Each structure stands twice: as structure tokens, then as C-alpha cells.
Protein backbone atom coordinates (compact mmCIF):
# COMPACT_ATOMS: atom_id res chain seq x y z
CA MET A 1 6.81 -11.00 38.48
CA ALA A 2 7.48 -12.04 34.86
CA ASP A 3 3.77 -11.87 34.00
CA SER A 4 3.56 -8.43 35.63
CA ARG A 5 6.55 -7.20 33.56
CA LYS A 6 5.06 -8.62 30.36
CA SER A 7 1.74 -6.92 31.09
CA ALA A 8 3.45 -3.58 31.71
CA ASP A 9 5.46 -3.92 28.50
CA SER A 10 2.34 -4.67 26.48
CA ARG A 11 0.87 -1.33 27.56
CA ARG A 12 3.70 0.70 26.02
CA LEU A 13 2.22 2.57 23.06
CA VAL A 14 3.96 1.88 19.75
CA SER A 15 3.22 4.04 16.71
CA ILE A 16 3.64 2.70 13.18
CA GLY A 17 3.90 5.62 10.76
CA ILE A 18 2.92 5.00 7.14
CA PRO A 19 3.58 7.88 4.71
CA VAL A 20 1.55 7.37 1.54
CA ARG A 21 0.66 9.06 -1.71
CA ASN A 22 -1.70 7.37 -4.17
CA GLY A 23 -1.45 3.98 -2.50
CA ALA A 24 -5.05 2.82 -2.72
CA ASP A 25 -4.05 -0.37 -4.54
CA ARG A 26 -1.51 -1.55 -1.96
CA LEU A 27 -2.00 0.17 1.41
CA GLU A 28 -4.65 -2.05 2.96
CA GLU A 29 -2.44 -5.15 3.24
CA ALA A 30 0.24 -3.09 4.99
CA VAL A 31 -2.23 -1.70 7.51
CA ARG A 32 -3.77 -5.13 8.15
CA SER A 33 -0.34 -6.56 8.96
CA VAL A 34 0.10 -3.88 11.64
CA LEU A 35 -3.33 -4.46 13.14
CA ALA A 36 -2.50 -8.19 13.36
CA GLN A 37 0.48 -7.58 15.69
CA ASP A 38 0.57 -9.51 18.96
CA HIS A 39 1.51 -6.31 20.83
CA GLU A 40 -1.57 -4.80 22.45
CA ARG A 41 -1.13 -1.02 22.32
CA LEU A 42 -0.67 0.24 18.78
CA GLU A 43 -1.58 3.18 16.62
CA VAL A 44 -1.25 3.24 12.85
CA VAL A 45 -0.48 6.82 11.83
CA ILE A 46 -1.23 7.30 8.13
CA SER A 47 0.04 10.55 6.63
CA ASP A 48 -1.63 10.92 3.25
CA ASN A 49 0.38 13.26 1.05
CA ALA A 50 -2.56 14.82 -0.83
CA SER A 51 -3.40 11.62 -2.75
CA THR A 52 -5.46 11.96 -5.92
CA ASP A 53 -6.67 8.35 -6.13
CA GLY A 54 -8.87 6.41 -3.70
CA THR A 55 -6.39 6.49 -0.80
CA GLU A 56 -8.47 8.88 1.30
CA GLU A 57 -11.62 6.76 1.03
CA LEU A 58 -9.71 3.60 1.90
CA CYS A 59 -8.04 5.19 4.93
CA ARG A 60 -11.27 6.65 6.29
CA ARG A 61 -12.90 3.23 6.00
CA LEU A 62 -10.01 1.57 7.82
CA ALA A 63 -10.17 4.23 10.55
CA ARG A 64 -13.90 3.61 11.01
CA GLU A 65 -13.32 -0.12 11.30
CA ASP A 66 -10.50 0.10 13.85
CA PRO A 67 -9.83 3.05 16.21
CA ARG A 68 -6.12 2.23 16.22
CA VAL A 69 -5.92 3.66 12.67
CA VAL A 70 -5.30 7.42 12.80
CA TYR A 71 -5.65 9.16 9.44
CA HIS A 72 -4.18 12.55 8.53
CA ARG A 73 -4.49 14.08 5.07
CA GLN A 74 -2.03 16.75 3.95
CA PRO A 75 -3.81 19.59 2.11
CA ARG A 76 -0.97 19.77 -0.42
CA ASN A 77 1.96 17.65 -1.56
CA ILE A 78 4.72 18.22 1.01
CA GLY A 79 7.25 15.89 -0.63
CA ILE A 80 8.41 12.39 0.17
CA VAL A 81 10.80 13.33 3.00
CA GLY A 82 8.36 15.87 4.41
CA ASN A 83 5.65 13.23 4.60
CA PHE A 84 7.95 10.81 6.42
CA THR A 85 8.73 13.58 8.91
CA GLU A 86 5.03 14.32 9.37
CA ALA A 87 4.28 10.68 10.19
CA LEU A 88 6.83 10.84 13.01
CA ARG A 89 5.63 14.24 14.22
CA LEU A 90 2.00 13.09 14.39
CA ALA A 91 2.79 9.92 16.34
CA ARG A 92 2.02 9.69 20.06
CA GLY A 93 3.79 6.46 20.96
CA GLU A 94 6.78 6.05 23.21
CA PHE A 95 8.21 3.95 20.38
CA PHE A 96 7.92 4.53 16.64
CA ARG A 97 8.53 2.69 13.38
CA TRP A 98 8.22 3.87 9.79
CA MET A 99 6.66 1.50 7.30
CA GLY A 100 6.29 1.64 3.53
CA ASP A 101 2.79 1.61 2.08
CA ASP A 102 3.47 -1.75 0.41
CA ASP A 103 5.44 -3.35 3.27
CA ARG A 104 4.26 -6.17 5.50
CA LEU A 105 5.17 -6.97 9.10
CA GLU A 106 5.34 -10.36 10.75
CA PRO A 107 2.79 -10.61 13.63
CA HIS A 108 5.54 -10.51 16.26
CA CYS A 109 7.58 -7.70 14.66
CA VAL A 110 6.73 -5.07 17.28
CA SER A 111 6.93 -7.31 20.34
CA ARG A 112 10.28 -8.84 19.35
CA SER A 113 11.74 -5.43 18.49
CA LEU A 114 10.65 -4.02 21.84
CA GLU A 115 12.48 -6.65 23.87
CA PRO A 116 16.00 -5.17 23.44
CA LEU A 117 14.69 -1.61 23.86
CA LEU A 118 13.06 -2.44 27.19
CA THR A 119 16.10 -4.37 28.38
CA ASP A 120 18.76 -1.76 27.46
CA GLU A 121 17.87 1.89 28.04
CA ARG A 122 20.91 3.00 26.00
CA LEU A 123 19.38 1.84 22.73
CA ILE A 124 17.77 4.46 20.51
CA LEU A 125 16.48 1.91 17.99
CA VAL A 126 16.32 -1.78 17.14
CA THR A 127 16.68 -3.13 13.61
CA SER A 128 15.78 -6.58 12.33
CA ASP A 129 16.51 -8.77 9.35
CA THR A 130 14.19 -8.02 6.43
CA ALA A 131 13.11 -9.95 3.34
CA TYR A 132 13.28 -7.83 0.15
CA THR A 133 11.29 -8.65 -2.98
CA SER A 134 12.80 -7.37 -6.23
CA PRO A 135 10.71 -6.30 -9.25
CA ASP A 136 11.43 -9.68 -10.87
CA GLY A 137 9.88 -11.47 -7.88
CA SER A 138 13.11 -12.80 -6.40
CA VAL A 139 13.47 -12.52 -2.62
CA HIS A 140 16.69 -11.49 -0.87
CA ARG A 141 17.20 -11.96 2.88
CA PRO A 142 20.45 -10.29 3.94
CA ALA A 143 21.43 -11.26 7.49
CA TYR A 144 23.27 -9.01 9.94
CA GLN A 145 25.07 -10.80 12.75
CA GLY A 146 27.35 -8.07 14.09
CA THR A 147 27.36 -6.46 17.53
CA GLY A 148 29.29 -3.27 16.78
CA MET A 149 26.19 -1.07 16.85
CA LEU A 150 25.94 -1.77 20.60
CA SER A 151 29.20 0.11 21.24
CA ASP A 152 29.17 3.24 23.40
CA ASP A 153 31.72 4.80 21.02
CA PRO A 154 29.94 6.77 18.24
CA VAL A 155 32.77 6.23 15.74
CA ASP A 156 32.79 2.48 16.35
CA ARG A 157 29.09 2.50 15.46
CA LEU A 158 29.70 4.66 12.39
CA GLU A 159 32.35 2.26 11.13
CA GLU A 160 30.15 -0.77 11.82
CA LEU A 161 27.20 0.79 9.98
CA TRP A 162 29.20 1.54 6.85
CA ASP A 163 30.97 -1.80 6.88
CA ALA A 164 27.56 -3.48 6.97
CA VAL A 165 26.07 -1.22 4.28
CA THR A 166 28.95 -1.61 1.86
CA THR A 167 29.44 -5.35 2.46
CA GLU A 168 25.88 -6.22 1.44
CA HIS A 169 23.12 -3.88 0.27
CA MET A 170 20.28 -3.40 2.77
CA ARG A 171 21.98 -5.64 5.31
CA LEU A 172 21.24 -3.10 8.04
CA ASP A 173 18.39 -0.62 7.62
CA PRO A 174 17.70 1.62 10.65
CA LEU A 175 15.03 3.68 8.89
CA TYR A 176 12.67 0.75 9.26
CA GLY A 177 13.62 -0.20 12.79
CA VAL A 178 11.65 0.45 15.98
CA MET A 179 12.90 3.70 17.51
CA ARG A 180 12.71 5.35 20.89
CA ARG A 181 10.69 8.31 19.65
CA ALA A 182 12.02 10.93 22.10
CA ALA A 183 15.58 10.13 21.03
CA VAL A 184 15.00 10.63 17.29
CA VAL A 185 12.13 13.08 16.90
CA GLY A 186 14.46 16.08 16.83
CA ILE A 187 16.80 14.67 14.17
CA ARG A 188 16.23 16.31 10.80
CA ARG A 189 16.01 14.30 7.60
CA PRO A 190 17.62 16.33 4.79
CA VAL A 191 15.92 16.61 1.40
CA MET A 192 18.56 15.25 -0.94
CA ILE A 193 19.58 12.14 -2.86
CA ARG A 194 20.63 9.37 -0.43
CA GLU A 195 19.16 11.26 2.49
CA ASP A 196 18.43 7.88 4.07
CA GLU A 197 22.16 7.15 4.36
CA VAL A 198 22.84 10.61 5.78
CA TYR A 199 20.07 10.10 8.32
CA ALA A 200 21.38 6.63 9.19
CA THR A 201 24.82 8.14 9.79
CA VAL A 202 23.36 10.66 12.25
CA LEU A 203 21.46 7.87 14.02
CA ALA A 204 24.66 5.84 14.33
CA LEU A 205 26.45 8.82 15.89
CA THR A 206 23.52 9.55 18.23
CA GLY A 207 23.27 6.30 20.18
CA PRO A 208 23.63 2.49 20.27
CA TRP A 209 21.33 0.19 18.29
CA GLY A 210 20.06 -3.29 18.98
CA HIS A 211 19.27 -5.92 16.39
CA VAL A 212 16.92 -8.90 16.17
CA PRO A 213 18.44 -11.52 13.84
CA GLU A 214 15.08 -12.65 12.51
CA VAL A 215 13.07 -11.67 9.43
CA LEU A 216 10.39 -9.47 10.99
CA ALA A 217 9.42 -7.42 7.94
CA HIS A 218 8.92 -7.73 4.20
CA ARG A 219 9.67 -4.89 1.79
CA SER A 220 9.40 -4.39 -1.96
CA LEU A 221 12.34 -2.90 -3.84
CA ARG A 222 11.98 -0.49 -6.74
CA TRP A 223 15.18 0.29 -8.64
CA LYS A 224 15.35 3.90 -9.84
CA ARG A 225 18.11 5.92 -11.44
CA LEU A 226 19.46 8.90 -9.54
CA PRO A 227 17.91 11.57 -11.86
CA HIS A 228 14.49 9.94 -11.33
CA ILE A 229 15.06 9.95 -7.57
CA ALA A 230 16.02 13.63 -7.72
CA ARG A 231 12.78 14.50 -9.51
CA ALA A 232 10.73 12.44 -7.03
CA LEU A 233 12.38 14.24 -4.10
CA GLY A 234 11.93 17.65 -5.73
CA VAL A 235 15.65 18.47 -5.83
CA PRO A 236 17.61 19.71 -8.88
CA VAL A 237 18.46 16.91 -11.30
CA TRP A 238 22.06 18.13 -11.53
CA THR A 239 22.60 16.93 -7.96
CA ALA A 240 22.41 13.35 -9.28
CA HIS A 241 25.82 13.89 -10.92
CA PHE A 242 27.38 14.88 -7.60
CA ALA A 243 25.38 12.61 -5.31
CA ASN A 244 28.42 11.09 -3.56
CA THR A 245 30.11 14.43 -2.90
CA LEU A 246 26.94 16.10 -1.62
CA GLN A 247 26.09 13.09 0.54
CA PHE A 248 29.48 12.92 2.19
CA ARG A 249 29.62 16.67 2.67
CA ALA A 250 26.36 16.37 4.63
CA MET A 251 27.79 13.49 6.68
CA TYR A 252 30.96 15.45 7.46
CA GLY A 253 28.68 18.26 8.64
CA ALA A 254 26.82 15.85 10.90
CA LEU A 255 30.12 14.63 12.32
CA ARG A 256 31.21 18.21 13.10
CA ALA A 257 27.92 18.89 14.90
CA MET A 258 28.34 15.95 17.30
CA ASP A 259 29.88 16.29 20.76
CA LEU A 260 33.00 14.19 20.12
CA THR A 261 36.54 14.17 21.39
CA PRO A 262 39.27 15.35 18.98
CA GLU A 263 40.40 11.72 18.61
CA GLN A 264 36.86 10.54 17.81
CA ARG A 265 36.46 13.34 15.29
CA ARG A 266 39.72 12.37 13.60
CA ARG A 267 38.68 8.71 13.44
CA GLY A 268 35.23 9.65 12.14
CA ARG A 269 36.71 11.73 9.32
CA ALA A 270 38.96 8.82 8.40
CA VAL A 271 35.97 6.44 8.22
CA LEU A 272 34.01 8.80 5.98
CA ALA A 273 37.03 9.49 3.76
CA ARG A 274 37.57 5.76 3.26
CA ILE A 275 33.93 5.13 2.35
CA TYR A 276 33.81 8.19 0.06
CA GLY A 277 36.89 6.94 -1.79
CA ARG A 278 35.30 3.51 -2.21
CA ARG A 279 32.07 5.03 -3.58
CA GLN A 280 33.96 7.26 -6.01
CA ARG A 281 35.95 4.30 -7.34
CA GLN A 282 32.70 2.41 -7.88
CA VAL A 283 31.26 5.38 -9.82
CA LEU A 284 34.36 5.65 -12.00
CA ALA A 285 34.33 1.91 -12.70
CA HIS A 286 30.65 2.08 -13.65
CA ARG A 287 31.26 5.01 -15.99
CA GLY A 288 34.21 3.17 -17.52
CA ARG A 289 32.04 0.15 -18.28
CA LYS A 290 29.41 2.38 -19.87
CA LEU A 291 31.98 4.11 -22.06
CA THR A 292 33.47 0.77 -23.09
CA GLY A 293 30.02 -0.53 -24.00
CA LEU A 294 29.29 2.61 -26.01
CA ALA A 295 32.58 2.30 -27.89
CA VAL A 296 31.88 -1.34 -28.71
CA ARG A 297 28.45 -0.47 -30.07
CA LEU A 298 29.82 2.40 -32.16
CA LEU A 299 32.61 0.30 -33.61
CA GLY A 300 30.26 -2.56 -34.26
CA GLY A 301 27.90 -0.26 -36.10
């Protein structure tokens, strides 16, 4: 019976979506790490956002070498968020995972992530621990050991998510978890600074998550200032100065759109208000340090 169950599970199609633009120098390693998975049924959906380097040639070669690689080229630049959305839309799998064009997966990433999803039908996604490499080469492995995301109460999950996010950066990252595609395909990703946190908030309110407390993926971090992020996303640079307010306004809107009891809605607003206040204090403290540094330099000069 166990062998029969394992065989049936191995036939569940899992799509790995890789949005890319001008990634010819880094994409192949990412794709190879997917093709090396120990799960049998896979497709690698590459959404090429009108690359101008050798990305197209590389992807067409990879697709010729392995039929599990499915290549789509956008005729024009549709933006970073739009390309992520396209990768999900083009996928055919029952389960889906986004992947950066310079990420790498452990060979058992998919199979280990599927285990909780196939055991608990409530789960809409499963996250895992991830190793992050900073630009200076240092590696950070934040570990999440909580169970609050398994709660059936949406506000409990919302509070758990933000406690994890604010306790340690990147401790819990649902955007790079394995998702039940039917449960998430209709959720819109807004085009704005910190859209990933807005999207994560909606996912937390939508359904329970599982977690595998093992490093199943490797990601590279690139630190960018908010104005640079705004330009990359194609949104007005002025929004960088109001990023917290715009982000939390979007999250309040998501909370209002959910089917919650009045008590849950009240608790959800309290969670968001607390986190917003914490973020604003951090911004003010950062600006204070900058002003102090400027004053010291001016007086010293």
C-alpha cells in the first residue's frame, strides 16, 4: 500500500515557474537544479520577459535537451510582477513553485515539500528553510520552527506571519514555497513596493500553510534602495517615500475583502496597526541616524 501511495504521489505534476529577463549568465544552473529533482513529474516553465541578451538561445537549447523545460518568450517587457504572474498562469501542474533565475534547489526540495500538502488537504502552500547568500558571500540560514501557520483562524496566521517576518528577515518566505495552484492562481499580485509582503498577507488570510524545517533551497540576496526598487517595478519613485503607508493600506484592503467575522476583522486590524507602528518607528529611527550623521559631517567640516 505504501509503495502504491508513493507511486501515485510521484505522478502529481509539479510546475516550477522561473521568470527571467537577461539571465543568460546565471539561468542554466537554476534549471539544472530543477531537472535533478527526485520527484518524477515536473515541468520547468520559463517566462522570458523580452530578454535582450542570450537568454532566448539558452532556453531554447535547454528545451531541446529536456522536454520538461517549457519556454515562453514575452514579445515585450511586461514588468517584474507581470512576469511572475505569467509564469503561474502558464503552468499546468497541480502544484506550483516560483524560483529565481539564480536560485538553486536541493534534489529533494519538491518531494519533501509535497509531503505535507498530500497529507493535509487544508494547506494551500508549504514553505521551507532557505539558505541566503549575501553580496559579500556570507550565508544566512534563518530557521522557522513555529506551527501558527497551521491554524484554521486567518488572523492567527496573519499574526504568526508578521511575528516571523519582523523577528528575523526572510525567516518565512511563502513566495518561494510549493503552492496548491488552484488555491492561489486567482490571487492578484499588486504592482507596488513591497508587493511580496502584501501578497504574503493575502496568502496567510486565505488558508493554512505547512513548513519543512530543512534547507531545501538556496537564494542570492541583492540589497536595493526603495527608489531603485520603484524604478525596477515601473512605479512612481515618490511612492518610495510612503512605502509603509501604501503597503499597509493595501493590506487593510485585503483584510476588508476577506470573509471574516467582526471579531476576526477587529483582531486583524489590530495586528496590522501594531506592525505598521513598528515599521514607522524603524523608519523614523533610521532617518534620525542619517540626520545625526549628516550633522556630524557638517560640523566636522
